[in-house]
Amino acid sequence: MIYYTADLHLGHEKIISMCHRPFRDLEEMHQTIIKNWNDRITPEDEVYIVGDVAYRCQMPELESYLAQLLGHKHLITGNHDRHKIKSEIFRAYFDSITNYAEIQDGNNKVILFHYPILEWNGFFHGTYHIYGHIHNSQNMANQIMEQLPNAFNAGMDCNGFMPRTLAELIADHEKNHDTSLLNY
């Protein structure tokens, strides 16, 4: 099975207040993310992390968190990953690390990029775009992206602090957003 997530921000204490995460402290946030992840993911599953694994989380603490997360992890780098990917220890926890990816999820083509983009390869042919970066903010970027029928925010803040399947992202988007404004 293939899963998607973004913006874990392990070690980033201020993300709790910045994004209104429902945690008392970093320890509760870390333990919730690890539990939710491992309740869904098996060692055989593929998990695409669409950026920002950690911020201000130092080795070996970060290493202990990554070691607990099940599955084959693939990192699509985000703005907070640029320094971590220099570490061989960090890189060892991922089956792949890239800035951008185009993958097949069943019969669906999926474009993975940390930043939301308005048009992507296959946009007019049913291709999906999964992104992160904008968390659960109510800024203009999020409002615009929510109108696109095949673009999904995989961020932890928007998805119950757990990885989600493409089918779940599609169903949640259809249930929560009016995409009838777009006729292409």
N, C-alpha and C. Protein backbone atom coordinates (compact mmCIF):
# COMPACT_ATOMS: atom_id res chain seq x y z
N MET A 1 0.85 -1.17 0.00
CA MET A 1 0.00 0.00 0.00
C MET A 1 0.90 1.23 0.00
N ILE A 2 0.42 2.30 -0.63
CA ILE A 2 1.16 3.56 -0.68
C ILE A 2 0.42 4.60 0.16
N TYR A 3 1.20 5.32 0.96
CA TYR A 3 0.66 6.38 1.82
C TYR A 3 1.43 7.67 1.58
N TYR A 4 0.81 8.79 1.98
CA TYR A 4 1.41 10.11 1.81
C TYR A 4 1.26 10.92 3.09
N THR A 5 2.26 11.75 3.35
CA THR A 5 2.20 12.67 4.48
C THR A 5 3.19 13.79 4.23
N ALA A 6 3.13 14.82 5.05
CA ALA A 6 4.05 15.95 4.93
C ALA A 6 4.08 16.71 6.25
N ASP A 7 5.11 17.49 6.41
CA ASP A 7 5.20 18.47 7.50
C ASP A 7 5.10 17.86 8.91
N LEU A 8 5.87 16.82 9.15
CA LEU A 8 5.93 16.27 10.50
C LEU A 8 6.50 17.30 11.46
N HIS A 9 7.53 18.01 11.06
CA HIS A 9 8.19 19.03 11.88
C HIS A 9 8.62 18.48 13.23
N LEU A 10 9.22 17.30 13.23
CA LEU A 10 9.73 16.73 14.48
C LEU A 10 10.74 17.69 15.09
N GLY A 11 10.64 17.89 16.39
CA GLY A 11 11.55 18.77 17.10
C GLY A 11 11.19 20.24 17.06
N HIS A 12 10.14 20.61 16.38
CA HIS A 12 9.77 22.01 16.20
C HIS A 12 8.69 22.39 17.21
N GLU A 13 9.12 22.87 18.34
CA GLU A 13 8.18 23.17 19.41
C GLU A 13 7.17 24.26 19.04
N LYS A 14 7.61 25.28 18.33
CA LYS A 14 6.71 26.39 17.98
C LYS A 14 5.64 25.99 16.97
N ILE A 15 5.82 24.87 16.26
CA ILE A 15 4.79 24.46 15.30
C ILE A 15 3.47 24.13 16.01
N ILE A 16 3.56 23.76 17.27
CA ILE A 16 2.35 23.43 18.04
C ILE A 16 1.44 24.65 18.13
N SER A 17 1.99 25.80 18.47
CA SER A 17 1.16 27.01 18.56
C SER A 17 0.93 27.62 17.18
N MET A 18 1.94 27.59 16.30
CA MET A 18 1.80 28.20 14.98
C MET A 18 0.66 27.58 14.17
N CYS A 19 0.51 26.26 14.27
CA CYS A 19 -0.51 25.55 13.48
C CYS A 19 -1.65 25.04 14.35
N HIS A 20 -1.69 25.48 15.58
CA HIS A 20 -2.77 25.09 16.50
C HIS A 20 -2.86 23.57 16.64
N ARG A 21 -1.70 22.93 16.73
CA ARG A 21 -1.70 21.48 16.93
C ARG A 21 -2.18 21.17 18.34
N PRO A 22 -2.98 20.13 18.51
CA PRO A 22 -3.63 19.85 19.80
C PRO A 22 -2.75 19.09 20.79
N PHE A 23 -1.52 19.55 20.97
CA PHE A 23 -0.59 18.86 21.86
C PHE A 23 -0.09 19.80 22.95
N ARG A 24 0.15 19.23 24.13
CA ARG A 24 0.69 20.00 25.26
C ARG A 24 2.14 20.38 25.03
N ASP A 25 2.88 19.43 24.40
CA ASP A 25 4.32 19.63 24.25
C ASP A 25 4.85 18.75 23.13
N LEU A 26 6.15 18.87 22.87
CA LEU A 26 6.77 18.09 21.80
C LEU A 26 6.67 16.59 22.03
N GLU A 27 6.85 16.16 23.24
CA GLU A 27 6.80 14.72 23.53
C GLU A 27 5.44 14.14 23.13
N GLU A 28 4.36 14.83 23.49
CA GLU A 28 3.02 14.36 23.12
C GLU A 28 2.86 14.36 21.60
N MET A 29 3.35 15.41 20.92
CA MET A 29 3.26 15.47 19.48
C MET A 29 4.02 14.32 18.83
N HIS A 30 5.26 14.11 19.27
CA HIS A 30 6.07 13.02 18.70
C HIS A 30 5.42 11.66 18.90
N GLN A 31 4.97 11.41 20.12
CA GLN A 31 4.37 10.10 20.42
C GLN A 31 3.07 9.88 19.64
N THR A 32 2.28 10.93 19.45
CA THR A 32 1.04 10.81 18.68
C THR A 32 1.35 10.52 17.21
N ILE A 33 2.29 11.23 16.64
CA ILE A 33 2.66 11.01 15.24
C ILE A 33 3.17 9.58 15.06
N ILE A 34 4.04 9.12 15.94
CA ILE A 34 4.60 7.76 15.83
C ILE A 34 3.50 6.72 15.99
N LYS A 35 2.62 6.89 16.97
CA LYS A 35 1.54 5.92 17.19
C LYS A 35 0.58 5.89 16.00
N ASN A 36 0.13 7.06 15.55
CA ASN A 36 -0.80 7.11 14.42
C ASN A 36 -0.17 6.49 13.17
N TRP A 37 1.10 6.78 12.95
CA TRP A 37 1.82 6.24 11.80
C TRP A 37 1.85 4.72 11.89
N ASN A 38 2.31 4.18 12.99
CA ASN A 38 2.49 2.74 13.11
C ASN A 38 1.19 1.97 13.26
N ASP A 39 0.11 2.64 13.63
CA ASP A 39 -1.21 2.00 13.65
C ASP A 39 -1.70 1.72 12.22
N ARG A 40 -1.18 2.45 11.23
CA ARG A 40 -1.62 2.31 9.84
C ARG A 40 -0.61 1.61 8.95
N ILE A 41 0.65 1.86 9.18
CA ILE A 41 1.70 1.47 8.26
C ILE A 41 2.30 0.12 8.67
N THR A 42 2.50 -0.75 7.68
CA THR A 42 3.20 -2.02 7.92
C THR A 42 4.63 -1.88 7.42
N PRO A 43 5.50 -2.80 7.78
CA PRO A 43 6.88 -2.72 7.27
C PRO A 43 6.97 -2.79 5.75
N GLU A 44 5.97 -3.33 5.07
CA GLU A 44 5.99 -3.46 3.61
C GLU A 44 5.44 -2.24 2.88
N ASP A 45 4.72 -1.35 3.57
CA ASP A 45 4.10 -0.20 2.93
C ASP A 45 5.14 0.82 2.47
N GLU A 46 4.75 1.60 1.46
CA GLU A 46 5.56 2.70 0.96
C GLU A 46 4.95 3.99 1.50
N VAL A 47 5.77 4.86 2.09
CA VAL A 47 5.29 6.13 2.62
C VAL A 47 6.10 7.26 1.98
N TYR A 48 5.39 8.14 1.29
CA TYR A 48 6.02 9.31 0.69
C TYR A 48 5.81 10.50 1.62
N ILE A 49 6.91 11.01 2.14
CA ILE A 49 6.89 12.18 3.01
C ILE A 49 7.21 13.37 2.11
N VAL A 50 6.21 14.23 1.90
CA VAL A 50 6.35 15.32 0.95
C VAL A 50 6.90 16.56 1.69
N GLY A 51 8.04 16.37 2.32
CA GLY A 51 8.81 17.45 2.90
C GLY A 51 8.62 17.74 4.37
N ASP A 52 9.65 18.35 4.92
CA ASP A 52 9.72 18.86 6.29
C ASP A 52 9.54 17.78 7.36
N VAL A 53 10.45 16.83 7.34
CA VAL A 53 10.46 15.78 8.36
C VAL A 53 10.70 16.38 9.74
N ALA A 54 11.69 17.26 9.82
CA ALA A 54 12.09 17.78 11.13
C ALA A 54 12.54 19.23 11.02
N TYR A 55 12.50 19.89 12.16
CA TYR A 55 13.03 21.24 12.26
C TYR A 55 13.57 21.39 13.67
N ARG A 56 14.84 21.71 13.76
CA ARG A 56 15.53 21.88 15.06
C ARG A 56 15.56 20.60 15.87
N CYS A 57 15.43 19.48 15.24
CA CYS A 57 15.53 18.18 15.91
C CYS A 57 16.91 17.62 15.56
N GLN A 58 17.72 17.39 16.56
CA GLN A 58 19.10 16.97 16.35
C GLN A 58 19.24 15.45 16.44
N MET A 59 20.25 14.93 15.73
CA MET A 59 20.62 13.53 15.91
C MET A 59 21.22 13.43 17.30
N PRO A 60 21.08 12.38 18.07
CA PRO A 60 20.43 11.12 17.73
C PRO A 60 18.93 11.08 18.02
N GLU A 61 18.38 12.18 18.57
CA GLU A 61 16.95 12.20 18.86
C GLU A 61 16.13 11.95 17.60
N LEU A 62 16.46 12.65 16.50
CA LEU A 62 15.74 12.45 15.25
C LEU A 62 15.90 11.02 14.76
N GLU A 63 17.07 10.48 14.90
CA GLU A 63 17.31 9.09 14.49
C GLU A 63 16.40 8.14 15.26
N SER A 64 16.19 8.38 16.53
CA SER A 64 15.31 7.50 17.31
C SER A 64 13.87 7.56 16.82
N TYR A 65 13.41 8.75 16.41
CA TYR A 65 12.04 8.87 15.88
C TYR A 65 11.92 8.16 14.53
N LEU A 66 12.87 8.41 13.64
CA LEU A 66 12.82 7.79 12.31
C LEU A 66 12.88 6.27 12.40
N ALA A 67 13.66 5.75 13.33
CA ALA A 67 13.79 4.30 13.50
C ALA A 67 12.47 3.66 13.92
N GLN A 68 11.62 4.42 14.58
CA GLN A 68 10.34 3.89 15.05
C GLN A 68 9.26 3.87 13.98
N LEU A 69 9.42 4.66 12.93
CA LEU A 69 8.39 4.78 11.90
C LEU A 69 8.50 3.63 10.91
N LEU A 70 7.45 2.83 10.82
CA LEU A 70 7.44 1.66 9.95
C LEU A 70 7.35 2.04 8.48
N GLY A 71 7.62 1.07 7.63
CA GLY A 71 7.45 1.23 6.19
C GLY A 71 8.71 1.68 5.48
N HIS A 72 8.61 1.66 4.15
CA HIS A 72 9.68 2.15 3.29
C HIS A 72 9.43 3.63 3.07
N LYS A 73 10.30 4.45 3.62
CA LYS A 73 10.10 5.89 3.59
C LYS A 73 10.83 6.52 2.39
N HIS A 74 10.10 7.39 1.69
CA HIS A 74 10.64 8.14 0.56
C HIS A 74 10.46 9.62 0.88
N LEU A 75 11.52 10.39 0.78
CA LEU A 75 11.45 11.81 1.12
C LEU A 75 11.49 12.66 -0.14
N ILE A 76 10.48 13.49 -0.28
CA ILE A 76 10.46 14.56 -1.26
C ILE A 76 10.84 15.78 -0.42
N THR A 77 12.02 16.32 -0.65
CA THR A 77 12.56 17.31 0.28
C THR A 77 11.74 18.59 0.33
N GLY A 78 11.67 19.12 1.54
CA GLY A 78 11.04 20.40 1.80
C GLY A 78 12.08 21.40 2.26
N ASN A 79 11.65 22.61 2.51
CA ASN A 79 12.58 23.67 2.89
C ASN A 79 13.31 23.39 4.20
N HIS A 80 12.73 22.61 5.10
CA HIS A 80 13.40 22.31 6.37
C HIS A 80 14.25 21.03 6.32
N ASP A 81 14.35 20.40 5.18
CA ASP A 81 15.13 19.16 5.06
C ASP A 81 16.53 19.40 4.49
N ARG A 82 16.80 20.57 3.97
CA ARG A 82 18.03 20.81 3.22
C ARG A 82 19.30 20.55 4.02
N HIS A 83 19.28 20.82 5.31
CA HIS A 83 20.48 20.56 6.12
C HIS A 83 20.55 19.11 6.58
N LYS A 84 19.41 18.53 6.87
CA LYS A 84 19.38 17.15 7.35
C LYS A 84 19.86 16.16 6.29
N ILE A 85 19.55 16.41 5.02
CA ILE A 85 19.91 15.44 3.99
C ILE A 85 21.41 15.34 3.76
N LYS A 86 22.18 16.24 4.36
CA LYS A 86 23.64 16.15 4.29
C LYS A 86 24.18 15.05 5.19
N SER A 87 23.37 14.61 6.13
CA SER A 87 23.78 13.58 7.09
C SER A 87 23.56 12.18 6.54
N GLU A 88 24.62 11.38 6.53
CA GLU A 88 24.49 9.98 6.09
C GLU A 88 23.55 9.22 7.00
N ILE A 89 23.57 9.53 8.27
CA ILE A 89 22.68 8.85 9.23
C ILE A 89 21.23 9.13 8.87
N PHE A 90 20.91 10.38 8.60
CA PHE A 90 19.54 10.76 8.22
C PHE A 90 19.14 10.07 6.92
N ARG A 91 19.98 10.15 5.91
CA ARG A 91 19.67 9.57 4.60
C ARG A 91 19.43 8.07 4.67
N ALA A 92 20.07 7.39 5.60
CA ALA A 92 19.95 5.93 5.71
C ALA A 92 18.52 5.48 6.04
N TYR A 93 17.69 6.38 6.56
CA TYR A 93 16.32 6.01 6.92
C TYR A 93 15.33 6.11 5.76
N PHE A 94 15.83 6.48 4.59
CA PHE A 94 14.95 6.66 3.43
C PHE A 94 15.39 5.78 2.27
N ASP A 95 14.42 5.18 1.61
CA ASP A 95 14.70 4.39 0.42
C ASP A 95 15.04 5.28 -0.76
N SER A 96 14.52 6.51 -0.74
CA SER A 96 14.84 7.48 -1.78
C SER A 96 14.68 8.89 -1.22
N ILE A 97 15.45 9.80 -1.78
CA ILE A 97 15.36 11.22 -1.44
C ILE A 97 15.48 11.99 -2.74
N THR A 98 14.48 12.84 -3.00
CA THR A 98 14.47 13.64 -4.23
C THR A 98 13.72 14.94 -3.97
N ASN A 99 13.89 15.90 -4.87
CA ASN A 99 13.18 17.17 -4.74
C ASN A 99 11.77 17.11 -5.33
N TYR A 100 11.54 16.16 -6.24
CA TYR A 100 10.29 16.09 -7.01
C TYR A 100 10.16 14.66 -7.48
N ALA A 101 8.94 14.15 -7.56
CA ALA A 101 8.76 12.79 -8.06
C ALA A 101 7.44 12.67 -8.81
N GLU A 102 7.45 11.80 -9.81
CA GLU A 102 6.25 11.38 -10.51
C GLU A 102 6.18 9.88 -10.33
N ILE A 103 5.12 9.39 -9.68
CA ILE A 103 5.00 7.97 -9.38
C ILE A 103 3.65 7.44 -9.87
N GLN A 104 3.54 6.13 -9.90
CA GLN A 104 2.26 5.45 -10.17
C GLN A 104 1.73 4.92 -8.85
N ASP A 105 0.48 5.20 -8.56
CA ASP A 105 -0.22 4.64 -7.41
C ASP A 105 -1.41 3.90 -8.00
N GLY A 106 -1.25 2.59 -8.20
CA GLY A 106 -2.26 1.84 -8.93
C GLY A 106 -2.32 2.34 -10.36
N ASN A 107 -3.51 2.72 -10.81
CA ASN A 107 -3.68 3.27 -12.16
C ASN A 107 -3.53 4.79 -12.22
N ASN A 108 -3.15 5.39 -11.11
CA ASN A 108 -3.09 6.84 -11.02
C ASN A 108 -1.66 7.36 -11.05
N LYS A 109 -1.45 8.40 -11.84
CA LYS A 109 -0.17 9.09 -11.84
C LYS A 109 -0.25 10.18 -10.78
N VAL A 110 0.81 10.29 -9.96
CA VAL A 110 0.85 11.25 -8.86
C VAL A 110 2.13 12.07 -8.96
N ILE A 111 1.97 13.38 -8.87
CA ILE A 111 3.08 14.31 -8.85
C ILE A 111 3.31 14.73 -7.40
N LEU A 112 4.54 14.54 -6.92
CA LEU A 112 4.87 14.86 -5.53
C LEU A 112 5.88 16.00 -5.50
N PHE A 113 5.51 17.07 -4.81
CA PHE A 113 6.39 18.23 -4.66
C PHE A 113 6.00 18.91 -3.35
N HIS A 114 6.99 19.32 -2.56
CA HIS A 114 6.68 19.90 -1.25
C HIS A 114 5.79 21.14 -1.37
N TYR A 115 6.06 21.94 -2.36
CA TYR A 115 5.31 23.19 -2.52
C TYR A 115 4.10 22.98 -3.43
N PRO A 116 2.97 23.60 -3.10
CA PRO A 116 1.80 23.48 -3.97
C PRO A 116 2.06 24.18 -5.30
N ILE A 117 1.67 23.53 -6.38
CA ILE A 117 1.80 24.13 -7.70
C ILE A 117 0.42 24.15 -8.37
N LEU A 118 0.18 25.19 -9.15
CA LEU A 118 -1.15 25.38 -9.74
C LEU A 118 -1.41 24.51 -10.95
N GLU A 119 -0.37 24.12 -11.66
CA GLU A 119 -0.53 23.23 -12.81
C GLU A 119 0.70 22.34 -12.88
N TRP A 120 0.49 21.07 -13.14
CA TRP A 120 1.56 20.08 -13.11
C TRP A 120 1.44 19.17 -14.32
N ASN A 121 2.45 18.36 -14.52
CA ASN A 121 2.46 17.41 -15.63
C ASN A 121 1.23 16.51 -15.56
N GLY A 122 0.42 16.54 -16.58
CA GLY A 122 -0.80 15.73 -16.63
C GLY A 122 -2.01 16.38 -15.98
N PHE A 123 -1.92 17.66 -15.66
CA PHE A 123 -3.00 18.39 -15.00
C PHE A 123 -4.34 18.20 -15.70
N PHE A 124 -4.35 18.26 -17.03
CA PHE A 124 -5.59 18.14 -17.79
C PHE A 124 -5.96 16.69 -18.13
N HIS A 125 -5.21 15.75 -17.58
CA HIS A 125 -5.44 14.34 -17.90
C HIS A 125 -5.64 13.48 -16.65
N GLY A 126 -6.09 14.09 -15.57
CA GLY A 126 -6.44 13.33 -14.38
C GLY A 126 -5.29 12.98 -13.46
N THR A 127 -4.12 13.57 -13.68
CA THR A 127 -2.99 13.32 -12.80
C THR A 127 -3.20 14.07 -11.48
N TYR A 128 -2.76 13.48 -10.39
CA TYR A 128 -2.91 14.08 -9.07
C TYR A 128 -1.63 14.77 -8.63
N HIS A 129 -1.78 15.80 -7.80
CA HIS A 129 -0.64 16.50 -7.21
C HIS A 129 -0.80 16.45 -5.70
N ILE A 130 0.22 15.93 -5.02
CA ILE A 130 0.23 15.88 -3.56
C ILE A 130 1.38 16.76 -3.08
N TYR A 131 1.05 17.62 -2.13
CA TYR A 131 1.99 18.63 -1.64
C TYR A 131 1.87 18.78 -0.13
N GLY A 132 2.70 19.65 0.42
CA GLY A 132 2.67 20.01 1.83
C GLY A 132 2.89 21.50 1.95
N HIS A 133 3.74 21.89 2.87
CA HIS A 133 4.27 23.25 3.07
C HIS A 133 3.29 24.25 3.66
N ILE A 134 2.06 24.30 3.23
CA ILE A 134 1.17 25.37 3.68
C ILE A 134 0.33 24.96 4.90
N HIS A 135 0.57 23.79 5.44
CA HIS A 135 -0.07 23.33 6.67
C HIS A 135 -1.58 23.53 6.60
N ASN A 136 -2.16 24.01 7.68
CA ASN A 136 -3.60 24.21 7.73
C ASN A 136 -3.95 25.70 7.74
N SER A 137 -3.05 26.51 7.22
CA SER A 137 -3.28 27.96 7.22
C SER A 137 -4.47 28.31 6.34
N GLN A 138 -5.05 29.42 6.62
CA GLN A 138 -6.19 29.89 5.82
C GLN A 138 -5.77 31.02 4.89
N ASN A 139 -4.54 30.97 4.43
CA ASN A 139 -4.04 32.00 3.53
C ASN A 139 -4.56 31.77 2.11
N MET A 140 -4.22 32.69 1.22
CA MET A 140 -4.71 32.63 -0.14
C MET A 140 -4.24 31.37 -0.87
N ALA A 141 -3.00 30.96 -0.63
CA ALA A 141 -2.48 29.76 -1.30
C ALA A 141 -3.35 28.55 -0.97
N ASN A 142 -3.69 28.38 0.29
CA ASN A 142 -4.52 27.24 0.69
C ASN A 142 -5.91 27.34 0.08
N GLN A 143 -6.47 28.53 0.06
CA GLN A 143 -7.81 28.72 -0.51
C GLN A 143 -7.82 28.39 -2.00
N ILE A 144 -6.79 28.77 -2.71
CA ILE A 144 -6.70 28.47 -4.14
C ILE A 144 -6.53 26.97 -4.35
N MET A 145 -5.60 26.36 -3.62
CA MET A 145 -5.32 24.93 -3.81
C MET A 145 -6.54 24.07 -3.49
N GLU A 146 -7.33 24.48 -2.52
CA GLU A 146 -8.52 23.71 -2.15
C GLU A 146 -9.53 23.66 -3.29
N GLN A 147 -9.47 24.57 -4.23
CA GLN A 147 -10.41 24.60 -5.35
C GLN A 147 -10.01 23.63 -6.47
N LEU A 148 -8.77 23.17 -6.45
CA LEU A 148 -8.30 22.27 -7.50
C LEU A 148 -8.72 20.84 -7.17
N PRO A 149 -9.44 20.18 -8.07
CA PRO A 149 -9.99 18.86 -7.74
C PRO A 149 -8.95 17.75 -7.60
N ASN A 150 -7.79 17.89 -8.17
CA ASN A 150 -6.80 16.80 -8.13
C ASN A 150 -5.54 17.17 -7.36
N ALA A 151 -5.63 18.16 -6.49
CA ALA A 151 -4.49 18.57 -5.67
C ALA A 151 -4.83 18.38 -4.20
N PHE A 152 -3.92 17.72 -3.47
CA PHE A 152 -4.22 17.37 -2.09
C PHE A 152 -3.07 17.72 -1.16
N ASN A 153 -3.40 18.38 -0.07
CA ASN A 153 -2.44 18.71 0.97
C ASN A 153 -2.29 17.49 1.88
N ALA A 154 -1.11 16.91 1.88
CA ALA A 154 -0.85 15.71 2.69
C ALA A 154 -0.31 16.05 4.06
N GLY A 155 -0.30 17.33 4.43
CA GLY A 155 0.28 17.75 5.70
C GLY A 155 -0.38 17.11 6.90
N MET A 156 0.44 16.84 7.90
CA MET A 156 -0.03 16.26 9.16
C MET A 156 -1.19 17.06 9.75
N ASP A 157 -1.09 18.39 9.68
CA ASP A 157 -2.10 19.25 10.30
C ASP A 157 -3.48 19.09 9.68
N CYS A 158 -3.54 18.65 8.43
CA CYS A 158 -4.81 18.53 7.71
C CYS A 158 -5.34 17.10 7.67
N ASN A 159 -4.57 16.16 8.20
CA ASN A 159 -4.92 14.74 8.00
C ASN A 159 -4.82 13.90 9.27
N GLY A 160 -5.22 14.48 10.38
CA GLY A 160 -5.28 13.72 11.62
C GLY A 160 -3.93 13.24 12.12
N PHE A 161 -2.85 13.89 11.71
CA PHE A 161 -1.50 13.55 12.15
C PHE A 161 -1.15 12.11 11.83
N MET A 162 -1.52 11.71 10.59
CA MET A 162 -1.19 10.35 10.13
C MET A 162 -1.06 10.34 8.62
N PRO A 163 -0.31 9.39 8.08
CA PRO A 163 -0.24 9.22 6.62
C PRO A 163 -1.59 8.78 6.08
N ARG A 164 -1.89 9.19 4.84
CA ARG A 164 -3.16 8.87 4.21
C ARG A 164 -2.92 8.24 2.85
N THR A 165 -3.85 7.42 2.41
CA THR A 165 -3.79 6.85 1.06
C THR A 165 -4.33 7.88 0.07
N LEU A 166 -4.06 7.65 -1.20
CA LEU A 166 -4.60 8.53 -2.24
C LEU A 166 -6.13 8.50 -2.19
N ALA A 167 -6.71 7.32 -2.05
CA ALA A 167 -8.17 7.21 -1.98
C ALA A 167 -8.75 8.03 -0.83
N GLU A 168 -8.08 8.02 0.31
CA GLU A 168 -8.55 8.81 1.46
C GLU A 168 -8.43 10.30 1.19
N LEU A 169 -7.32 10.72 0.58
CA LEU A 169 -7.15 12.13 0.25
C LEU A 169 -8.23 12.60 -0.73
N ILE A 170 -8.53 11.76 -1.72
CA ILE A 170 -9.57 12.09 -2.70
C ILE A 170 -10.93 12.20 -2.02
N ALA A 171 -11.28 11.20 -1.22
CA ALA A 171 -12.59 11.19 -0.55
C ALA A 171 -12.74 12.39 0.39
N ASP A 172 -11.71 12.71 1.16
CA ASP A 172 -11.78 13.86 2.07
C ASP A 172 -11.94 15.16 1.29
N HIS A 173 -11.23 15.28 0.19
CA HIS A 173 -11.29 16.49 -0.62
C HIS A 173 -12.69 16.66 -1.21
N GLU A 174 -13.25 15.59 -1.74
CA GLU A 174 -14.60 15.66 -2.32
C GLU A 174 -15.65 15.99 -1.27
N LYS A 175 -15.46 15.48 -0.07
CA LYS A 175 -16.42 15.72 1.01
C LYS A 175 -16.33 17.15 1.54
N ASN A 176 -15.12 17.71 1.57
CA ASN A 176 -14.90 18.98 2.25
C ASN A 176 -14.75 20.20 1.36
N HIS A 177 -14.68 20.04 0.04
CA HIS A 177 -14.42 21.18 -0.82
C HIS A 177 -15.35 21.19 -2.02
N ASP A 178 -15.80 22.37 -2.36
CA ASP A 178 -16.61 22.56 -3.56
C ASP A 178 -15.67 22.88 -4.72
N THR A 179 -15.46 21.90 -5.57
CA THR A 179 -14.57 22.10 -6.71
C THR A 179 -15.36 22.37 -7.99
N SER A 180 -16.63 22.67 -7.84
CA SER A 180 -17.46 22.93 -9.03
C SER A 180 -17.10 24.25 -9.71
N LEU A 181 -16.27 25.07 -9.07
CA LEU A 181 -15.86 26.35 -9.65
C LEU A 181 -14.94 26.15 -10.86
N LEU A 182 -14.33 25.00 -10.93
CA LEU A 182 -13.40 24.73 -12.03
C LEU A 182 -14.07 23.87 -13.09
N ASN A 183 -14.06 24.36 -14.28
CA ASN A 183 -14.59 23.58 -15.41
C ASN A 183 -13.53 23.54 -16.47
N TYR A 184 -12.72 22.49 -16.45
CA TYR A 184 -11.67 22.39 -17.47
C TYR A 184 -11.77 21.11 -18.21
